[in-house]
Each structure stands twice: as C-alpha cells, then as structure tokens.
C-alpha cells in the first residue's frame, strides 16, 4: 500500500507524486460520485495542492500516458498516490 499523502499541517512533497494505480480516475471533485475527467496510469506525475477527506486535488505535471493534457486539475483518492523522489543535480 502506498504511503499516505501528508496532511495540511505538514508540507506537501515538493517533488510531486506518482500515480500508483494502473487505471485511476481523475475526478471533478473529491468523491466517487463526481464525474471522471479521464484516467491516470502508473507513473503519471502530479502535483498536490490540497487534501480533503482522503482525496487530493492534483494538477497533471506532464501529458499523461492516457493522453490527457498537462495542467488539467482534478481529484484523486490519496491511496493511489506515492511521493516522488527528488533528484539533485550536481
């Protein structure tokens, strides 16, 4: 199971988050009853700016493997996200 996303009291991961599921709905709001905007797949990179009741508001960092454009904003259940590792270039 992926590590849970940091709560509002702690800083969010500055390096973004990787999608950890094989076909994860990007939703219009923080609920399974909200419309799906499309699907994210394992390895898609997102930035998280808000967490609410087990859901994270995300922005797609780059074009998704399923073809969604970079910059689209939606909601993903936090259990499908894992913090990305930061890379340091010397």
PDB file of N, CA and C in Angstrom:
ATOM      1  N   UNK A   1       0.845  -1.175   0.000  1.00  0.00           N
ATOM      2  CA  UNK A   1       0.000   0.000   0.000  1.00  0.00           C
ATOM      3  C   UNK A   1       0.892   1.239   0.000  1.00  0.00           C
ATOM      4  N   UNK A   2       0.626   2.234  -0.863  1.00  0.00           N
ATOM      5  CA  UNK A   2       1.441   3.442  -0.890  1.00  0.00           C
ATOM      6  C   UNK A   2       1.339   4.223   0.415  1.00  0.00           C
ATOM      7  N   UNK A   3       2.402   4.977   0.701  1.00  0.00           N
ATOM      8  CA  UNK A   3       2.395   5.825   1.896  1.00  0.00           C
ATOM      9  C   UNK A   3       1.333   6.905   1.746  1.00  0.00           C
ATOM     10  N   UNK A   4       0.650   7.259   2.834  1.00  0.00           N
ATOM     11  CA  UNK A   4      -0.377   8.297   2.742  1.00  0.00           C
ATOM     12  C   UNK A   4       0.233   9.659   2.450  1.00  0.00           C
ATOM     13  N   UNK A   5      -0.530  10.505   1.803  1.00  0.00           N
ATOM     14  CA  UNK A   5      -0.108  11.857   1.477  1.00  0.00           C
ATOM     15  C   UNK A   5      -0.094  12.686   2.757  1.00  0.00           C
ATOM     16  N   UNK A   6       0.866  13.593   2.866  1.00  0.00           N
ATOM     17  CA  UNK A   6       0.966  14.454   4.045  1.00  0.00           C
ATOM     18  C   UNK A   6      -0.298  15.288   4.216  1.00  0.00           C
ATOM     19  N   UNK A   7      -0.712  15.490   5.430  1.00  0.00           N
ATOM     20  CA  UNK A   7      -1.884  16.310   5.752  1.00  0.00           C
ATOM     21  C   UNK A   7      -1.527  17.783   5.642  1.00  0.00           C
ATOM     22  N   UNK A   8      -2.517  18.644   5.708  1.00  0.00           N
ATOM     23  CA  UNK A   8      -2.329  20.084   5.558  1.00  0.00           C
ATOM     24  C   UNK A   8      -1.350  20.664   6.572  1.00  0.00           C
ATOM     25  N   UNK A   9      -1.249  20.076   7.759  1.00  0.00           N
ATOM     26  CA  UNK A   9      -0.353  20.597   8.783  1.00  0.00           C
ATOM     27  C   UNK A   9       1.114  20.380   8.409  1.00  0.00           C
ATOM     28  N   UNK A  10       1.402  19.409   7.574  1.00  0.00           N
ATOM     29  CA  UNK A  10       2.763  19.130   7.140  1.00  0.00           C
ATOM     30  C   UNK A  10       2.910  19.581   5.680  1.00  0.00           C
ATOM     31  N   UNK A  11       4.130  19.933   5.270  1.00  0.00           N
ATOM     32  CA  UNK A  11       4.309  20.370   3.886  1.00  0.00           C
ATOM     33  C   UNK A  11       4.082  19.215   2.919  1.00  0.00           C
ATOM     34  N   UNK A  12       3.502  19.521   1.767  1.00  0.00           N
ATOM     35  CA  UNK A  12       3.322  18.516   0.726  1.00  0.00           C
ATOM     36  C   UNK A  12       4.664  18.271   0.050  1.00  0.00           C
ATOM     37  N   UNK A  13       4.812  17.139  -0.596  1.00  0.00           N
ATOM     38  CA  UNK A  13       6.056  16.787  -1.268  1.00  0.00           C
ATOM     39  C   UNK A  13       6.320  17.753  -2.423  1.00  0.00           C
ATOM     40  N   UNK A  14       7.409  18.495  -2.365  1.00  0.00           N
ATOM     41  CA  UNK A  14       7.740  19.491  -3.382  1.00  0.00           C
ATOM     42  C   UNK A  14       8.094  18.851  -4.726  1.00  0.00           C
ATOM     43  N   UNK A  15       8.416  17.567  -4.726  1.00  0.00           N
ATOM     44  CA  UNK A  15       8.803  16.891  -5.972  1.00  0.00           C
ATOM     45  C   UNK A  15       7.618  16.243  -6.675  1.00  0.00           C
ATOM     46  N   UNK A  16       6.442  16.383  -6.129  1.00  0.00           N
ATOM     47  CA  UNK A  16       5.257  15.819  -6.750  1.00  0.00           C
ATOM     48  C   UNK A  16       4.974  14.403  -6.289  1.00  0.00           C
ATOM     49  N   UNK A  17       4.007  13.798  -6.955  1.00  0.00           N
ATOM     50  CA  UNK A  17       3.550  12.451  -6.608  1.00  0.00           C
ATOM     51  C   UNK A  17       3.389  11.624  -7.872  1.00  0.00           C
ATOM     52  N   UNK A  18       3.683  10.347  -7.754  1.00  0.00           N
ATOM     53  CA  UNK A  18       3.465   9.402  -8.846  1.00  0.00           C
ATOM     54  C   UNK A  18       2.131   8.706  -8.634  1.00  0.00           C
ATOM     55  N   UNK A  19       1.428   8.457  -9.719  1.00  0.00           N
ATOM     56  CA  UNK A  19       0.206   7.664  -9.651  1.00  0.00           C
ATOM     57  C   UNK A  19       0.623   6.216  -9.465  1.00  0.00           C
ATOM     58  N   UNK A  20       0.024   5.540  -8.487  1.00  0.00           N
ATOM     59  CA  UNK A  20       0.434   4.187  -8.129  1.00  0.00           C
ATOM     60  C   UNK A  20      -0.540   3.117  -8.616  1.00  0.00           C
ATOM     61  N   UNK A  21      -1.617   3.497  -9.257  1.00  0.00           N
ATOM     62  CA  UNK A  21      -2.590   2.524  -9.753  1.00  0.00           C
ATOM     63  C   UNK A  21      -2.488   2.358 -11.256  1.00  0.00           C
ATOM     64  N   UNK A  22      -3.052   1.288 -11.784  1.00  0.00           N
ATOM     65  CA  UNK A  22      -2.967   1.033 -13.219  1.00  0.00           C
ATOM     66  C   UNK A  22      -3.986   1.821 -14.032  1.00  0.00           C
ATOM     67  N   UNK A  23      -5.120   2.150 -13.455  1.00  0.00           N
ATOM     68  CA  UNK A  23      -6.131   2.971 -14.129  1.00  0.00           C
ATOM     69  C   UNK A  23      -6.917   3.709 -13.049  1.00  0.00           C
ATOM     70  N   UNK A  24      -6.513   4.951 -12.808  1.00  0.00           N
ATOM     71  CA  UNK A  24      -7.056   5.739 -11.707  1.00  0.00           C
ATOM     72  C   UNK A  24      -7.896   6.876 -12.278  1.00  0.00           C
ATOM     73  N   UNK A  25      -9.122   6.987 -11.802  1.00  0.00           N
ATOM     74  CA  UNK A  25      -9.990   8.076 -12.252  1.00  0.00           C
ATOM     75  C   UNK A  25      -9.510   9.413 -11.719  1.00  0.00           C
ATOM     76  N   UNK A  26      -9.435  10.404 -12.593  1.00  0.00           N
ATOM     77  CA  UNK A  26      -9.246  11.792 -12.198  1.00  0.00           C
ATOM     78  C   UNK A  26     -10.650  12.364 -12.148  1.00  0.00           C
ATOM     79  N   UNK A  27     -11.089  12.789 -10.973  1.00  0.00           N
ATOM     80  CA  UNK A  27     -12.480  13.189 -10.766  1.00  0.00           C
ATOM     81  C   UNK A  27     -12.634  14.704 -10.695  1.00  0.00           C
ATOM     82  N   UNK A  28     -13.851  15.178 -10.962  1.00  0.00           N
ATOM     83  CA  UNK A  28     -14.142  16.610 -10.921  1.00  0.00           C
ATOM     84  C   UNK A  28     -14.283  17.129  -9.490  1.00  0.00           C
ATOM     85  N   UNK A  29     -14.393  16.258  -8.520  1.00  0.00           N
ATOM     86  CA  UNK A  29     -14.496  16.622  -7.114  1.00  0.00           C
ATOM     87  C   UNK A  29     -14.076  15.461  -6.243  1.00  0.00           C
ATOM     88  N   UNK A  30     -13.981  15.683  -4.941  1.00  0.00           N
ATOM     89  CA  UNK A  30     -13.463  14.664  -4.021  1.00  0.00           C
ATOM     90  C   UNK A  30     -14.487  13.607  -3.611  1.00  0.00           C
ATOM     91  N   UNK A  31     -14.942  12.815  -4.584  1.00  0.00           N
ATOM     92  CA  UNK A  31     -15.919  11.764  -4.308  1.00  0.00           C
ATOM     93  C   UNK A  31     -16.030  10.861  -5.529  1.00  0.00           C
ATOM     94  N   UNK A  32     -16.326   9.579  -5.304  1.00  0.00           N
ATOM     95  CA  UNK A  32     -16.549   8.666  -6.435  1.00  0.00           C
ATOM     96  C   UNK A  32     -17.837   8.995  -7.176  1.00  0.00           C
ATOM     97  N   UNK A  33     -18.699   9.795  -6.568  1.00  0.00           N
ATOM     98  CA  UNK A  33     -19.939  10.183  -7.250  1.00  0.00           C
ATOM     99  C   UNK A  33     -19.717  11.348  -8.216  1.00  0.00           C
ATOM    100  N   UNK A  34     -18.546  11.963  -8.186  1.00  0.00           N
ATOM    101  CA  UNK A  34     -18.237  13.061  -9.106  1.00  0.00           C
ATOM    102  C   UNK A  34     -17.783  12.498 -10.439  1.00  0.00           C
ATOM    103  N   UNK A  35     -17.984  13.257 -11.501  1.00  0.00           N
ATOM    104  CA  UNK A  35     -17.667  12.812 -12.863  1.00  0.00           C
ATOM    105  C   UNK A  35     -16.170  12.536 -13.030  1.00  0.00           C
ATOM    106  N   UNK A  36     -15.872  11.526 -13.837  1.00  0.00           N
ATOM    107  CA  UNK A  36     -14.487  11.231 -14.191  1.00  0.00           C
ATOM    108  C   UNK A  36     -14.068  12.148 -15.339  1.00  0.00           C
ATOM    109  N   UNK A  37     -12.903  12.757 -15.201  1.00  0.00           N
ATOM    110  CA  UNK A  37     -12.351  13.619 -16.250  1.00  0.00           C
ATOM    111  C   UNK A  37     -11.457  12.819 -17.193  1.00  0.00           C
ATOM    112  N   UNK A  38     -11.121  11.613 -16.803  1.00  0.00           N
ATOM    113  CA  UNK A  38     -10.238  10.749 -17.571  1.00  0.00           C
ATOM    114  C   UNK A  38      -9.507   9.809 -16.631  1.00  0.00           C
ATOM    115  N   UNK A  39      -8.545   9.093 -17.180  1.00  0.00           N
ATOM    116  CA  UNK A  39      -7.805   8.108 -16.390  1.00  0.00           C
ATOM    117  C   UNK A  39      -6.321   8.434 -16.355  1.00  0.00           C
ATOM    118  N   UNK A  40      -5.741   8.241 -15.179  1.00  0.00           N
ATOM    119  CA  UNK A  40      -4.297   8.324 -14.999  1.00  0.00           C
ATOM    120  C   UNK A  40      -3.775   6.903 -14.863  1.00  0.00           C
ATOM    121  N   UNK A  41      -2.509   6.705 -15.211  1.00  0.00           N
ATOM    122  CA  UNK A  41      -1.918   5.373 -15.106  1.00  0.00           C
ATOM    123  C   UNK A  41      -0.632   5.434 -14.292  1.00  0.00           C
ATOM    124  N   UNK A  42      -0.190   4.259 -13.861  1.00  0.00           N
ATOM    125  CA  UNK A  42       1.015   4.144 -13.042  1.00  0.00           C
ATOM    126  C   UNK A  42       2.157   4.942 -13.676  1.00  0.00           C
ATOM    127  N   UNK A  43       2.787   5.787 -12.847  1.00  0.00           N
ATOM    128  CA  UNK A  43       3.930   6.571 -13.313  1.00  0.00           C
ATOM    129  C   UNK A  43       3.591   7.975 -13.775  1.00  0.00           C
ATOM    130  N   UNK A  44       2.302   8.282 -14.003  1.00  0.00           N
ATOM    131  CA  UNK A  44       1.950   9.672 -14.324  1.00  0.00           C
ATOM    132  C   UNK A  44       2.330  10.536 -13.127  1.00  0.00           C
ATOM    133  N   UNK A  45       2.817  11.744 -13.385  1.00  0.00           N
ATOM    134  CA  UNK A  45       3.292  12.632 -12.334  1.00  0.00           C
ATOM    135  C   UNK A  45       2.297  13.765 -12.113  1.00  0.00           C
ATOM    136  N   UNK A  46       1.949  13.991 -10.848  1.00  0.00           N
ATOM    137  CA  UNK A  46       1.011  15.059 -10.491  1.00  0.00           C
ATOM    138  C   UNK A  46       1.578  15.875  -9.331  1.00  0.00           C
ATOM    139  N   UNK A  47       1.113  17.114  -9.226  1.00  0.00           N
ATOM    140  CA  UNK A  47       1.393  17.958  -8.070  1.00  0.00           C
ATOM    141  C   UNK A  47       0.123  18.012  -7.235  1.00  0.00           C
ATOM    142  N   UNK A  48       0.275  17.981  -5.914  1.00  0.00           N
ATOM    143  CA  UNK A  48      -0.859  18.039  -4.999  1.00  0.00           C
ATOM    144  C   UNK A  48      -0.843  19.387  -4.293  1.00  0.00           C
ATOM    145  N   UNK A  49      -1.987  20.074  -4.292  1.00  0.00           N
ATOM    146  CA  UNK A  49      -2.037  21.351  -3.581  1.00  0.00           C
ATOM    147  C   UNK A  49      -3.047  21.354  -2.437  1.00  0.00           C
ATOM    148  N   UNK A  50      -3.822  20.266  -2.315  1.00  0.00           N
ATOM    149  CA  UNK A  50      -4.842  20.237  -1.268  1.00  0.00           C
ATOM    150  C   UNK A  50      -5.259  18.792  -0.989  1.00  0.00           C
ATOM    151  N   UNK A  51      -5.557  18.501   0.281  1.00  0.00           N
ATOM    152  CA  UNK A  51      -6.055  17.182   0.684  1.00  0.00           C
ATOM    153  C   UNK A  51      -7.345  17.393   1.447  1.00  0.00           C
ATOM    154  N   UNK A  52      -8.327  16.544   1.146  1.00  0.00           N
ATOM    155  CA  UNK A  52      -9.635  16.661   1.794  1.00  0.00           C
ATOM    156  C   UNK A  52     -10.266  15.282   1.934  1.00  0.00           C
ATOM    157  N   UNK A  53     -10.403  14.815   3.151  1.00  0.00           N
ATOM    158  CA  UNK A  53     -11.102  13.557   3.453  1.00  0.00           C
ATOM    159  C   UNK A  53     -10.630  12.386   2.606  1.00  0.00           C
ATOM    160  N   UNK A  54      -9.319  12.217   2.493  1.00  0.00           N
ATOM    161  CA  UNK A  54      -8.780  11.084   1.745  1.00  0.00           C
ATOM    162  C   UNK A  54      -8.666  11.316   0.246  1.00  0.00           C
ATOM    163  N   UNK A  55      -8.925  12.531  -0.190  1.00  0.00           N
ATOM    164  CA  UNK A  55      -8.816  12.896  -1.609  1.00  0.00           C
ATOM    165  C   UNK A  55      -7.792  14.009  -1.763  1.00  0.00           C
ATOM    166  N   UNK A  56      -7.091  14.039  -2.890  1.00  0.00           N
ATOM    167  CA  UNK A  56      -6.106  15.080  -3.159  1.00  0.00           C
ATOM    168  C   UNK A  56      -6.467  15.806  -4.443  1.00  0.00           C
ATOM    169  N   UNK A  57      -6.409  17.146  -4.387  1.00  0.00           N
ATOM    170  CA  UNK A  57      -6.583  17.924  -5.618  1.00  0.00           C
ATOM    171  C   UNK A  57      -5.227  17.968  -6.296  1.00  0.00           C
ATOM    172  N   UNK A  58      -5.182  17.531  -7.536  1.00  0.00           N
ATOM    173  CA  UNK A  58      -3.922  17.382  -8.255  1.00  0.00           C
ATOM    174  C   UNK A  58      -3.940  18.173  -9.556  1.00  0.00           C
ATOM    175  N   UNK A  59      -2.738  18.505 -10.007  1.00  0.00           N
ATOM    176  CA  UNK A  59      -2.528  19.087 -11.323  1.00  0.00           C
ATOM    177  C   UNK A  59      -1.589  18.153 -12.064  1.00  0.00           C
ATOM    178  N   UNK A  60      -1.964  17.743 -13.249  1.00  0.00           N
ATOM    179  CA  UNK A  60      -1.139  16.841 -14.049  1.00  0.00           C
ATOM    180  C   UNK A  60       0.107  17.596 -14.505  1.00  0.00           C
ATOM    181  N   UNK A  61       1.288  17.109 -14.149  1.00  0.00           N
ATOM    182  CA  UNK A  61       2.552  17.799 -14.410  1.00  0.00           C
ATOM    183  C   UNK A  61       2.981  17.730 -15.868  1.00  0.00           C
ATOM    184  N   UNK A  62       2.661  16.646 -16.526  1.00  0.00           N
ATOM    185  CA  UNK A  62       3.017  16.461 -17.933  1.00  0.00           C
ATOM    186  C   UNK A  62       1.937  15.621 -18.580  1.00  0.00           C
ATOM    187  N   UNK A  63       1.938  15.565 -19.905  1.00  0.00           N
ATOM    188  CA  UNK A  63       0.909  14.785 -20.610  1.00  0.00           C
ATOM    189  C   UNK A  63       0.860  13.371 -20.029  1.00  0.00           C
ATOM    190  N   UNK A  64      -0.346  12.891 -19.759  1.00  0.00           N
ATOM    191  CA  UNK A  64      -0.486  11.552 -19.171  1.00  0.00           C
ATOM    192  C   UNK A  64      -0.274  10.478 -20.230  1.00  0.00           C
ATOM    193  N   UNK A  65      -0.013   9.288 -19.779  1.00  0.00           N
ATOM    194  CA  UNK A  65       0.142   8.158 -20.695  1.00  0.00           C
ATOM    195  C   UNK A  65      -1.155   7.850 -21.441  1.00  0.00           C
ATOM    196  N   UNK A  66      -2.294   8.266 -20.837  1.00  0.00           N
ATOM    197  CA  UNK A  66      -3.586   8.043 -21.488  1.00  0.00           C
ATOM    198  C   UNK A  66      -3.960   9.189 -22.442  1.00  0.00           C
ATOM    199  N   UNK A  67      -3.120  10.240 -22.482  1.00  0.00           N
ATOM    200  CA  UNK A  67      -3.332  11.321 -23.434  1.00  0.00           C
ATOM    201  C   UNK A  67      -3.912  12.612 -22.879  1.00  0.00           C
ATOM    202  N   UNK A  68      -4.185  12.669 -21.574  1.00  0.00           N
ATOM    203  CA  UNK A  68      -4.702  13.918 -21.000  1.00  0.00           C
ATOM    204  C   UNK A  68      -3.599  14.967 -21.003  1.00  0.00           C
ATOM    205  N   UNK A  69      -3.979  16.206 -21.254  1.00  0.00           N
ATOM    206  CA  UNK A  69      -3.008  17.295 -21.366  1.00  0.00           C
ATOM    207  C   UNK A  69      -2.430  17.690 -20.006  1.00  0.00           C
ATOM    208  N   UNK A  70      -1.201  18.162 -20.029  1.00  0.00           N
ATOM    209  CA  UNK A  70      -0.568  18.695 -18.822  1.00  0.00           C
ATOM    210  C   UNK A  70      -1.362  19.896 -18.335  1.00  0.00           C
ATOM    211  N   UNK A  71      -1.429  20.064 -17.026  1.00  0.00           N
ATOM    212  CA  UNK A  71      -2.097  21.212 -16.440  1.00  0.00           C
ATOM    213  C   UNK A  71      -3.542  20.980 -16.041  1.00  0.00           C
ATOM    214  N   UNK A  72      -4.136  19.853 -16.442  1.00  0.00           N
ATOM    215  CA  UNK A  72      -5.516  19.572 -16.059  1.00  0.00           C
ATOM    216  C   UNK A  72      -5.574  19.354 -14.543  1.00  0.00           C
ATOM    217  N   UNK A  73      -6.619  19.874 -13.919  1.00  0.00           N
ATOM    218  CA  UNK A  73      -6.776  19.792 -12.466  1.00  0.00           C
ATOM    219  C   UNK A  73      -7.974  18.908 -12.133  1.00  0.00           C
ATOM    220  N   UNK A  74      -7.810  18.035 -11.163  1.00  0.00           N
ATOM    221  CA  UNK A  74      -8.897  17.164 -10.724  1.00  0.00           C
ATOM    222  C   UNK A  74      -8.554  16.557  -9.374  1.00  0.00           C
ATOM    223  N   UNK A  75      -9.322  15.575  -8.978  1.00  0.00           N
ATOM    224  CA  UNK A  75      -9.181  14.936  -7.669  1.00  0.00           C
ATOM    225  C   UNK A  75      -8.887  13.446  -7.830  1.00  0.00           C
ATOM    226  N   UNK A  76      -7.990  12.943  -6.966  1.00  0.00           N
ATOM    227  CA  UNK A  76      -7.604  11.532  -6.955  1.00  0.00           C
ATOM    228  C   UNK A  76      -7.627  11.056  -5.509  1.00  0.00           C
ATOM    229  N   UNK A  77      -8.108   9.829  -5.283  1.00  0.00           N
ATOM    230  CA  UNK A  77      -8.050   9.245  -3.939  1.00  0.00           C
ATOM    231  C   UNK A  77      -6.581   9.111  -3.538  1.00  0.00           C
ATOM    232  N   UNK A  78      -6.249   9.573  -2.326  1.00  0.00           N
ATOM    233  CA  UNK A  78      -4.846   9.618  -1.903  1.00  0.00           C
ATOM    234  C   UNK A  78      -4.175   8.253  -1.881  1.00  0.00           C
ATOM    235  N   UNK A  79      -4.928   7.177  -1.735  1.00  0.00           N
ATOM    236  CA  UNK A  79      -4.311   5.842  -1.688  1.00  0.00           C
ATOM    237  C   UNK A  79      -3.661   5.463  -3.011  1.00  0.00           C
ATOM    238  N   UNK A  80      -3.970   6.197  -4.089  1.00  0.00           N
ATOM    239  CA  UNK A  80      -3.379   5.920  -5.398  1.00  0.00           C
ATOM    240  C   UNK A  80      -2.173   6.791  -5.708  1.00  0.00           C
ATOM    241  N   UNK A  81      -1.690   7.548  -4.717  1.00  0.00           N
ATOM    242  CA  UNK A  81      -0.537   8.426  -4.933  1.00  0.00           C
ATOM    243  C   UNK A  81       0.606   8.029  -4.018  1.00  0.00           C
ATOM    244  N   UNK A  82       1.820   8.152  -4.528  1.00  0.00           N
ATOM    245  CA  UNK A  82       3.012   7.911  -3.736  1.00  0.00           C
ATOM    246  C   UNK A  82       3.991   9.055  -3.991  1.00  0.00           C
ATOM    247  N   UNK A  83       4.663   9.577  -2.955  1.00  0.00           N
ATOM    248  CA  UNK A  83       5.576  10.709  -3.145  1.00  0.00           C
ATOM    249  C   UNK A  83       6.706  10.367  -4.127  1.00  0.00           C
ATOM    250  N   UNK A  84       6.988  11.296  -5.027  1.00  0.00           N
ATOM    251  CA  UNK A  84       8.115  11.137  -5.952  1.00  0.00           C
ATOM    252  C   UNK A  84       9.428  11.423  -5.228  1.00  0.00           C
ATOM    253  N   UNK A  85      10.473  10.789  -5.665  1.00  0.00           N
ATOM    254  CA  UNK A  85      11.796  11.053  -5.106  1.00  0.00           C
ATOM    255  C   UNK A  85      12.382  12.278  -5.796  1.00  0.00           C
ATOM    256  N   UNK A  86      12.959  13.171  -5.008  1.00  0.00           N
ATOM    257  CA  UNK A  86      13.616  14.356  -5.563  1.00  0.00           C
ATOM    258  C   UNK A  86      14.995  13.962  -6.084  1.00  0.00           C
ATOM    259  N   UNK A  87      15.361  14.547  -7.202  1.00  0.00           N
ATOM    260  CA  UNK A  87      16.696  14.303  -7.764  1.00  0.00           C
ATOM    261  C   UNK A  87      17.526  15.560  -7.587  1.00  0.00           C
ATOM    262  N   UNK A  88      18.774  15.381  -7.178  1.00  0.00           N
ATOM    263  CA  UNK A  88      19.686  16.505  -7.030  1.00  0.00           C
ATOM    264  C   UNK A  88      20.733  16.411  -8.124  1.00  0.00           C
ATOM    265  N   UNK A  89      20.870  17.472  -8.897  1.00  0.00           N
ATOM    266  CA  UNK A  89      21.892  17.518  -9.942  1.00  0.00           C
ATOM    267  C   UNK A  89      23.066  18.334  -9.426  1.00  0.00           C
ATOM    268  N   UNK A  90      24.251  17.766  -9.517  1.00  0.00           N
ATOM    269  CA  UNK A  90      25.453  18.474  -9.055  1.00  0.00           C
ATOM    270  C   UNK A  90      26.084  19.242 -10.178  1.00  0.00           C
TER     271      UNK A  90
END
